[in-house]
Amino acid sequence: MKTRSKILLGTAIGVLIGAGGTWLLETSQEDSVGATDGAREPLYWVAPMDPSYRRDQPGKSPMGMDLIPVYKEHDGEGEAGTVHISPDVINNLGVRTVTVKSGRLRLDVKTVAYVQYDENSLVTISPRVEGWLETLHVKAAGDPVAKGEPLYTLYSPTLVNAQEELLLALKRDNPALIGAAEKRLSALQLPRADIEQLRKTRQVSQTITVTAPQSGVIDNLEVREGMFVKPGSILMSIGQLEHVWVIGEVFERQIGLLRNGDKVRLQLDYLPGKELLGQVDYIYPSLNKQTRTAQIRARFENPDEILKPGMFAQIIIETQPGSEVLLIPREALIRTGSQARVVLALGEGRFKSIAVDIGRVGEREVEILSGLNEGERIVSSAQFLIDSESSKTSDFRRMSHTDGEPVEHGSHDHGENEHD
């Protein structure tokens, strides 16, 4: 019951506000006309809530409201869609206007991303011979490891046989066989130090110890002690954290805005107020068919290891500004399901809604392709109330500023404002 009461109360308040706004505009129209043109004869009378209901004399509308007189414009132009508001009502409504200007639109692309290892420095550890893991020196993923530290000890009959071949070649003192045997041991990942030790001691080692080829952290640890492994098996990976990749998802319509080298600002939930700086390193050539998004890769230096693989982050990509275009504040634009409009300030308390073609939409500004000229003034505050009155009778035609003839919307040529 409480929810239903709140809904009814909200509806009633909305109706009162709408009726009050209509009354303000109607009153301002009547006051302005009566103060300056008391001697003019009305062209006809219309219903306040239905401009299509016209009469040749005063009376009541089907809803019981007084009909509103419609007068001919001062300058002789068509009055369709023009709203007159007295100065005091303009102040009460808080109407503000801005000038249409030209400039370069800068668009920032905001999206989510995740952190991963730099794959250029990610090393996969895989054996070249089959055998059994006798000792695993790293126990868990995430363990740090330095270059040259032992990773695992392997017993392999194949390696034992290869060592015996080298000893046989040394016994025969055959340089060709010695060289071939050493190359085979190297190909099977036996360290050079172990080969030299074998030549000195002439003792076959039953196991070999594989060391880390680089410093980093262990990732994707897939084995445990005692397991039998084969060539091609992925035992583990070693990733570096000094620099990482951040993979972001951008919408299909935003791909054309991005370039390699664009600056990227990264924000983390657990570090509010702190931003890390990177740059776009690569734009992937294909789209995800399900989400219709493309991936971008940004590279970040990570000396303090703040960024950890698997983290989610928010990134802001600063795109390059385009060519000079007409710009209006975003709050001045009125968007409906099928049309974009602005309220043009004609001067002397007159306003009219006109249709415009828009291009790219930024965080604060909107690109205008046609419908406006540089230097014109539009309403940026309280425009919705004025638009609701103007759109009742507006034919959405632009009025010429020179010859007085109406010009169809879209006929103004803004060739320099083509969408990039």
Protein backbone atom coordinates (compact mmCIF):
# COMPACT_ATOMS: atom_id res chain seq x y z
CA MET A 1 0.00 0.00 0.00
CA LYS A 2 2.87 2.38 0.80
CA THR A 3 4.43 1.80 -2.62
CA ARG A 4 1.10 2.43 -4.37
CA SER A 5 0.58 5.64 -2.40
CA LYS A 6 4.07 6.85 -3.37
CA ILE A 7 3.36 6.14 -7.06
CA LEU A 8 0.03 8.04 -6.93
CA LEU A 9 1.66 10.95 -5.09
CA GLY A 10 4.51 11.11 -7.64
CA THR A 11 2.05 11.08 -10.54
CA ALA A 12 0.05 13.89 -8.98
CA ILE A 13 3.16 15.99 -8.43
CA GLY A 14 4.25 15.42 -12.06
CA VAL A 15 0.85 16.53 -13.36
CA LEU A 16 0.93 19.66 -11.19
CA ILE A 17 4.46 20.54 -12.34
CA GLY A 18 3.54 20.02 -16.01
CA ALA A 19 0.39 22.08 -15.65
CA GLY A 20 2.30 24.79 -13.81
CA GLY A 21 4.97 24.96 -16.52
CA THR A 22 2.31 25.19 -19.23
CA TRP A 23 0.54 27.94 -17.30
CA LEU A 24 3.80 29.88 -16.93
CA LEU A 25 4.50 29.76 -20.66
CA GLU A 26 0.90 30.57 -21.57
CA THR A 27 0.88 33.47 -19.11
CA SER A 28 4.20 34.76 -20.44
CA GLN A 29 2.87 34.60 -24.00
CA GLU A 30 -0.30 36.48 -23.09
CA ASP A 31 1.59 39.05 -20.97
CA SER A 32 4.17 39.77 -23.65
CA VAL A 33 1.58 40.02 -26.39
CA GLY A 34 -0.77 42.10 -24.30
CA ALA A 35 1.93 44.50 -23.22
CA THR A 36 3.24 45.26 -26.69
CA ASP A 37 0.51 44.38 -29.13
CA GLY A 38 -2.77 45.04 -27.38
CA ALA A 39 -4.28 46.39 -30.57
CA ARG A 40 -3.54 43.27 -32.66
CA GLU A 41 -6.29 40.91 -33.64
CA PRO A 42 -5.77 37.19 -32.95
CA LEU A 43 -5.55 34.91 -35.97
CA TYR A 44 -7.40 32.10 -34.15
CA TRP A 45 -7.72 30.40 -30.80
CA VAL A 46 -6.27 26.99 -29.87
CA ALA A 47 -6.68 24.55 -27.01
CA PRO A 48 -3.78 24.73 -24.49
CA MET A 49 -3.32 20.94 -24.49
CA ASP A 50 -4.16 20.31 -28.18
CA PRO A 51 -2.91 22.91 -30.71
CA SER A 52 -4.79 21.10 -33.50
CA TYR A 53 -8.09 22.19 -31.90
CA ARG A 54 -8.71 25.65 -33.45
CA ARG A 55 -11.62 28.08 -33.27
CA ASP A 56 -12.30 31.51 -34.77
CA GLN A 57 -13.42 32.99 -31.47
CA PRO A 58 -12.74 32.58 -27.74
CA GLY A 59 -14.28 29.66 -25.91
CA LYS A 60 -13.56 26.47 -24.03
CA SER A 61 -11.52 23.46 -25.11
CA PRO A 62 -12.96 19.92 -24.93
CA MET A 63 -11.16 19.65 -21.57
CA GLY A 64 -12.89 22.77 -20.24
CA MET A 65 -9.83 25.07 -20.46
CA ASP A 66 -9.87 28.57 -21.94
CA LEU A 67 -8.67 28.77 -25.52
CA ILE A 68 -5.40 30.65 -26.14
CA PRO A 69 -5.23 33.38 -28.83
CA VAL A 70 -2.56 33.04 -31.53
CA TYR A 71 -1.20 36.25 -33.04
CA LYS A 72 0.78 36.99 -36.16
CA GLU A 73 4.52 37.38 -35.64
CA HIS A 74 6.06 40.87 -35.48
CA ASP A 75 8.48 40.27 -38.33
CA GLY A 76 6.01 38.65 -40.67
CA GLU A 77 7.57 35.19 -40.51
CA GLY A 78 5.60 32.06 -39.78
CA GLU A 79 4.81 31.63 -36.11
CA ALA A 80 4.95 27.82 -36.09
CA GLY A 81 6.79 26.56 -33.05
CA THR A 82 7.85 29.98 -31.74
CA VAL A 83 7.37 30.52 -28.01
CA HIS A 84 7.27 33.97 -26.39
CA ILE A 85 8.43 34.25 -22.78
CA SER A 86 8.49 37.45 -20.77
CA PRO A 87 11.77 38.45 -19.08
CA ASP A 88 10.50 37.82 -15.55
CA VAL A 89 9.41 34.29 -16.45
CA ILE A 90 12.77 33.67 -18.12
CA ASN A 91 14.45 34.57 -14.84
CA ASN A 92 12.05 32.43 -12.82
CA LEU A 93 12.66 29.41 -15.03
CA GLY A 94 16.43 29.87 -14.89
CA VAL A 95 16.82 29.94 -18.67
CA ARG A 96 20.48 30.13 -19.73
CA THR A 97 21.84 30.34 -23.25
CA VAL A 98 25.20 29.48 -24.79
CA THR A 99 26.83 30.27 -28.11
CA VAL A 100 27.43 27.61 -30.75
CA LYS A 101 31.18 27.48 -31.30
CA SER A 102 33.71 25.57 -33.34
CA GLY A 103 36.48 23.50 -31.83
CA ARG A 104 38.17 20.12 -31.68
CA LEU A 105 36.18 17.41 -29.95
CA ARG A 106 38.22 15.26 -27.58
CA LEU A 107 36.63 11.94 -26.75
CA ASP A 108 37.75 9.83 -23.81
CA VAL A 109 36.89 6.14 -24.06
CA LYS A 110 36.06 4.63 -20.66
CA THR A 111 35.91 0.88 -20.27
CA VAL A 112 36.83 -2.03 -18.02
CA ALA A 113 39.98 -4.07 -18.36
CA TYR A 114 41.96 -6.86 -16.73
CA VAL A 115 45.64 -7.28 -15.99
CA GLN A 116 47.75 -10.14 -17.33
CA TYR A 117 51.40 -11.04 -17.79
CA ASP A 118 53.35 -9.52 -20.64
CA GLU A 119 53.31 -12.50 -22.99
CA ASN A 120 56.51 -11.32 -24.64
CA SER A 121 58.36 -12.12 -21.41
CA LEU A 122 56.32 -15.18 -20.37
CA VAL A 123 58.42 -18.38 -20.45
CA THR A 124 56.91 -21.87 -20.55
CA ILE A 125 58.88 -24.75 -19.01
CA SER A 126 58.47 -28.04 -20.87
CA PRO A 127 60.73 -31.15 -20.87
CA ARG A 128 62.34 -32.58 -24.00
CA VAL A 129 62.62 -36.11 -22.66
CA GLU A 130 60.27 -38.38 -20.79
CA GLY A 131 60.94 -39.27 -17.20
CA TRP A 132 59.89 -38.95 -13.57
CA LEU A 133 59.99 -35.82 -11.41
CA GLU A 134 62.02 -36.83 -8.38
CA THR A 135 62.17 -33.37 -6.76
CA LEU A 136 60.04 -30.28 -7.36
CA HIS A 137 61.87 -27.24 -5.99
CA VAL A 138 58.95 -24.81 -6.51
CA LYS A 139 55.84 -25.80 -4.61
CA ALA A 140 53.07 -23.35 -5.57
CA ALA A 141 52.01 -20.90 -8.23
CA GLY A 142 53.02 -17.36 -7.36
CA ASP A 143 56.33 -18.34 -5.77
CA PRO A 144 59.15 -16.00 -6.77
CA VAL A 145 62.14 -17.48 -8.51
CA ALA A 146 65.49 -16.03 -9.57
CA LYS A 147 67.35 -16.81 -12.75
CA GLY A 148 69.49 -19.92 -12.28
CA GLU A 149 67.57 -21.31 -9.31
CA PRO A 150 66.54 -25.00 -9.56
CA LEU A 151 63.00 -25.76 -10.69
CA TYR A 152 62.84 -29.57 -10.71
CA THR A 153 65.02 -32.69 -10.77
CA LEU A 154 64.22 -35.29 -13.45
CA TYR A 155 65.20 -38.94 -13.82
CA SER A 156 65.20 -39.96 -17.46
CA PRO A 157 66.61 -43.19 -18.96
CA THR A 158 67.04 -41.33 -22.24
CA LEU A 159 69.40 -38.85 -20.62
CA VAL A 160 71.34 -41.65 -18.93
CA ASN A 161 71.86 -43.33 -22.32
CA ALA A 162 72.93 -40.04 -23.89
CA GLN A 163 75.57 -39.54 -21.17
CA GLU A 164 76.89 -43.06 -21.71
CA GLU A 165 77.25 -42.34 -25.43
CA LEU A 166 79.43 -39.34 -24.60
CA LEU A 167 81.62 -41.43 -22.30
CA LEU A 168 81.99 -44.06 -25.02
CA ALA A 169 83.06 -41.40 -27.52
CA LEU A 170 85.58 -40.00 -25.02
CA LYS A 171 86.96 -43.50 -24.45
CA ARG A 172 87.47 -43.97 -28.19
CA ASP A 173 88.87 -40.43 -28.45
CA ASN A 174 86.77 -39.79 -31.54
CA PRO A 175 86.27 -36.02 -31.96
CA ALA A 176 83.29 -36.46 -34.32
CA LEU A 177 81.46 -38.77 -31.92
CA ILE A 178 82.32 -36.54 -28.98
CA GLY A 179 80.89 -33.48 -30.70
CA ALA A 180 77.73 -35.33 -31.74
CA ALA A 181 77.19 -36.70 -28.22
CA GLU A 182 77.62 -33.25 -26.63
CA LYS A 183 75.17 -31.67 -29.08
CA ARG A 184 72.61 -34.35 -28.29
CA LEU A 185 72.95 -33.72 -24.54
CA SER A 186 72.56 -29.96 -25.10
CA ALA A 187 69.48 -30.55 -27.24
CA LEU A 188 68.00 -32.61 -24.40
CA GLN A 189 68.46 -29.59 -22.06
CA LEU A 190 71.39 -30.94 -20.08
CA PRO A 191 73.18 -27.83 -18.76
CA ARG A 192 76.64 -27.09 -20.13
CA ALA A 193 78.08 -27.25 -16.63
CA ASP A 194 76.80 -30.82 -16.25
CA ILE A 195 78.39 -31.82 -19.57
CA GLU A 196 81.75 -30.44 -18.46
CA GLN A 197 81.37 -32.23 -15.13
CA LEU A 198 80.66 -35.48 -16.98
CA ARG A 199 83.83 -35.11 -19.07
CA LYS A 200 85.92 -34.53 -15.96
CA THR A 201 84.53 -37.18 -13.62
CA ARG A 202 83.47 -39.75 -16.26
CA GLN A 203 80.52 -40.50 -13.92
CA VAL A 204 77.00 -40.74 -15.34
CA SER A 205 74.40 -38.73 -13.40
CA GLN A 206 71.10 -40.51 -12.93
CA THR A 207 69.15 -37.24 -12.71
CA ILE A 208 69.41 -33.73 -14.08
CA THR A 209 68.30 -30.50 -12.44
CA VAL A 210 66.54 -27.91 -14.62
CA THR A 211 67.05 -24.27 -13.59
CA ALA A 212 65.01 -21.10 -14.18
CA PRO A 213 65.90 -19.34 -17.45
CA GLN A 214 64.77 -15.96 -16.05
CA SER A 215 63.64 -14.27 -12.85
CA GLY A 216 59.93 -13.89 -12.14
CA VAL A 217 57.04 -15.70 -10.49
CA ILE A 218 55.72 -19.20 -11.07
CA ASP A 219 52.44 -19.47 -12.92
CA ASN A 220 50.35 -22.41 -14.16
CA LEU A 221 52.12 -25.02 -12.06
CA GLU A 222 50.72 -28.27 -13.45
CA VAL A 223 52.94 -30.98 -11.89
CA ARG A 224 53.80 -32.53 -8.54
CA GLU A 225 56.67 -34.69 -7.34
CA GLY A 226 56.67 -38.25 -8.65
CA MET A 227 54.69 -37.49 -11.80
CA PHE A 228 55.69 -39.01 -15.14
CA VAL A 229 56.13 -36.35 -17.82
CA LYS A 230 56.57 -36.53 -21.55
CA PRO A 231 58.07 -34.19 -24.15
CA GLY A 232 55.66 -31.34 -24.84
CA SER A 233 54.05 -31.42 -21.39
CA ILE A 234 53.67 -27.92 -19.91
CA LEU A 235 55.07 -28.11 -16.41
CA MET A 236 54.89 -24.43 -15.43
CA SER A 237 55.37 -20.87 -16.65
CA ILE A 238 57.52 -18.02 -15.39
CA GLY A 239 56.12 -14.51 -15.76
CA GLN A 240 57.63 -11.13 -15.00
CA LEU A 241 55.89 -8.31 -13.12
CA GLU A 242 58.21 -5.40 -13.96
CA HIS A 243 55.81 -4.56 -16.79
CA VAL A 244 52.38 -6.00 -17.55
CA TRP A 245 49.64 -5.92 -20.16
CA VAL A 246 46.18 -4.48 -19.53
CA ILE A 247 43.50 -5.81 -21.90
CA GLY A 248 40.43 -3.60 -22.38
CA GLU A 249 37.13 -4.10 -24.21
CA VAL A 250 35.83 -1.27 -26.42
CA PHE A 251 32.59 -1.04 -28.37
CA GLU A 252 32.54 -1.44 -32.12
CA ARG A 253 31.64 2.22 -32.69
CA GLN A 254 34.69 3.36 -30.68
CA ILE A 255 37.35 1.44 -32.58
CA GLY A 256 37.87 4.18 -35.16
CA LEU A 257 38.75 6.68 -32.42
CA LEU A 258 41.73 4.70 -31.12
CA ARG A 259 45.35 4.81 -32.26
CA ASN A 260 48.51 3.04 -31.13
CA GLY A 261 50.30 5.28 -28.67
CA ASP A 262 47.16 6.86 -27.16
CA LYS A 263 47.59 7.63 -23.48
CA VAL A 264 45.77 5.36 -21.03
CA ARG A 265 44.90 6.21 -17.43
CA LEU A 266 44.22 3.24 -15.15
CA GLN A 267 42.26 3.26 -11.89
CA LEU A 268 41.97 0.49 -9.32
CA ASP A 269 39.20 0.03 -6.75
CA TYR A 270 41.65 -0.72 -3.96
CA LEU A 271 43.68 2.43 -4.68
CA PRO A 272 41.09 5.26 -4.82
CA GLY A 273 42.42 8.54 -6.15
CA LYS A 274 45.55 6.96 -7.67
CA GLU A 275 46.06 6.69 -11.42
CA LEU A 276 48.69 4.77 -13.35
CA LEU A 277 49.75 5.92 -16.80
CA GLY A 278 50.36 3.72 -19.83
CA GLN A 279 49.73 3.73 -23.54
CA VAL A 280 47.91 1.70 -26.17
CA ASP A 281 50.31 -0.92 -27.46
CA TYR A 282 48.10 -2.88 -29.86
CA ILE A 283 44.54 -2.90 -31.22
CA TYR A 284 43.36 -6.42 -31.96
CA PRO A 285 42.06 -6.90 -35.53
CA SER A 286 38.95 -8.99 -34.78
CA LEU A 287 35.74 -8.53 -32.79
CA ASN A 288 34.01 -10.75 -30.29
CA LYS A 289 30.91 -12.01 -32.11
CA GLN A 290 28.82 -12.29 -28.96
CA THR A 291 29.63 -8.95 -27.29
CA ARG A 292 30.47 -6.98 -30.47
CA THR A 293 33.53 -5.54 -28.76
CA ALA A 294 37.18 -5.35 -29.72
CA GLN A 295 40.18 -5.75 -27.47
CA ILE A 296 42.95 -3.22 -26.99
CA ARG A 297 46.24 -3.87 -25.24
CA ALA A 298 47.96 -1.29 -23.10
CA ARG A 299 51.44 -1.67 -21.62
CA PHE A 300 52.15 -0.46 -18.10
CA GLU A 301 55.41 -0.29 -16.19
CA ASN A 302 54.96 -2.00 -12.81
CA PRO A 303 58.10 -1.47 -10.72
CA ASP A 304 56.21 -1.62 -7.40
CA GLU A 305 54.20 -4.65 -8.52
CA ILE A 306 50.93 -2.83 -7.80
CA LEU A 307 49.33 -4.43 -10.84
CA LYS A 308 48.81 -8.14 -10.45
CA PRO A 309 47.65 -10.55 -13.18
CA GLY A 310 43.93 -11.24 -12.94
CA MET A 311 43.00 -7.83 -11.52
CA PHE A 312 40.05 -5.87 -12.87
CA ALA A 313 40.56 -2.16 -13.52
CA GLN A 314 38.92 0.87 -15.10
CA ILE A 315 40.81 2.54 -17.93
CA ILE A 316 40.33 5.88 -19.68
CA ILE A 317 41.82 6.13 -23.17
CA GLU A 318 42.62 9.68 -24.30
CA THR A 319 41.95 9.76 -28.04
CA GLN A 320 43.45 12.25 -30.47
CA PRO A 321 41.26 15.33 -31.17
CA GLY A 322 39.79 15.51 -34.67
CA SER A 323 39.33 18.42 -37.06
CA GLU A 324 37.41 21.64 -36.35
CA VAL A 325 33.67 21.00 -35.90
CA LEU A 326 30.65 22.79 -34.47
CA LEU A 327 30.21 22.03 -30.78
CA ILE A 328 27.43 22.54 -28.26
CA PRO A 329 27.24 21.56 -24.58
CA ARG A 330 25.88 18.09 -24.04
CA GLU A 331 23.23 19.34 -21.61
CA ALA A 332 21.75 21.58 -24.34
CA LEU A 333 20.85 18.59 -26.54
CA ILE A 334 17.37 17.08 -26.39
CA ARG A 335 17.30 13.49 -27.66
CA THR A 336 14.12 11.60 -28.42
CA GLY A 337 13.68 8.16 -29.88
CA SER A 338 13.81 9.42 -33.47
CA GLN A 339 15.17 12.94 -33.36
CA ALA A 340 17.74 15.26 -31.80
CA ARG A 341 16.67 18.85 -31.07
CA VAL A 342 17.91 22.06 -29.52
CA VAL A 343 16.03 25.19 -28.48
CA LEU A 344 17.19 28.16 -30.52
CA ALA A 345 17.16 31.57 -28.80
CA LEU A 346 15.79 34.02 -31.39
CA GLY A 347 16.06 37.10 -29.18
CA GLU A 348 13.47 39.38 -27.56
CA GLY A 349 12.11 36.51 -25.49
CA ARG A 350 11.42 34.26 -28.49
CA PHE A 351 12.49 30.60 -28.63
CA LYS A 352 11.97 27.76 -31.08
CA SER A 353 12.82 24.05 -31.13
CA ILE A 354 14.76 22.95 -34.20
CA ALA A 355 16.03 19.56 -35.32
CA VAL A 356 19.78 18.99 -35.67
CA ASP A 357 22.02 16.22 -36.96
CA ILE A 358 24.62 15.15 -34.42
CA GLY A 359 27.90 13.33 -34.85
CA ARG A 360 30.15 12.15 -32.06
CA VAL A 361 29.04 12.62 -28.47
CA GLY A 362 31.70 13.45 -25.90
CA GLU A 363 31.54 13.59 -22.14
CA ARG A 364 30.75 17.33 -22.14
CA GLU A 365 30.27 18.36 -25.77
CA VAL A 366 28.37 17.15 -28.84
CA GLU A 367 29.39 17.50 -32.48
CA ILE A 368 26.78 19.17 -34.72
CA LEU A 369 26.78 18.08 -38.35
CA SER A 370 23.94 20.30 -39.60
CA GLY A 371 21.07 22.44 -38.33
CA LEU A 372 23.06 25.17 -36.57
CA ASN A 373 25.49 27.92 -37.51
CA GLU A 374 28.48 29.13 -35.55
CA GLY A 375 27.61 32.09 -33.33
CA GLU A 376 23.94 31.23 -32.83
CA ARG A 377 22.65 30.99 -29.27
CA ILE A 378 20.81 28.00 -27.88
CA VAL A 379 19.21 27.25 -24.51
CA SER A 380 21.27 25.11 -22.14
CA SER A 381 19.01 25.20 -19.07
CA ALA A 382 15.22 24.77 -18.74
CA GLN A 383 15.09 23.86 -22.43
CA PHE A 384 12.84 20.85 -21.91
CA LEU A 385 9.92 22.99 -20.75
CA ILE A 386 10.32 25.37 -23.68
CA ASP A 387 10.72 22.47 -26.11
CA SER A 388 7.50 20.85 -24.90
CA GLU A 389 5.60 24.01 -25.85
CA SER A 390 7.45 24.74 -29.07
CA SER A 391 7.25 21.20 -30.44
CA LYS A 392 3.43 21.26 -30.33
CA THR A 393 3.25 23.53 -33.37
CA SER A 394 6.80 23.52 -34.71
CA ASP A 395 7.35 22.31 -38.27
CA PHE A 396 11.10 22.05 -37.46
CA ARG A 397 12.10 24.36 -40.29
CA ARG A 398 15.01 26.72 -39.95
CA MET A 399 14.32 30.41 -40.54
CA SER A 400 16.85 32.22 -42.73
CA HIS A 401 18.76 35.07 -41.08
CA THR A 402 19.04 37.07 -44.30
CA ASP A 403 16.24 36.75 -46.81
CA GLY A 404 13.40 35.79 -44.47
CA GLU A 405 12.53 32.63 -46.40
CA PRO A 406 12.27 29.40 -44.43
CA VAL A 407 14.96 26.85 -45.16
CA GLU A 408 14.40 23.15 -44.74
CA HIS A 409 16.37 21.54 -41.92
CA GLY A 410 19.61 20.05 -43.05
CA SER A 411 20.09 22.42 -46.01
CA HIS A 412 22.86 24.38 -44.28
CA ASP A 413 26.17 23.20 -45.63
CA HIS A 414 28.74 22.41 -42.98
CA GLY A 415 31.19 20.60 -45.21
CA GLU A 416 34.01 21.14 -42.81
CA ASN A 417 32.12 19.30 -40.05
CA GLU A 418 32.11 15.87 -41.56
CA HIS A 419 32.24 13.04 -39.07
CA ASP A 420 35.74 11.73 -38.68
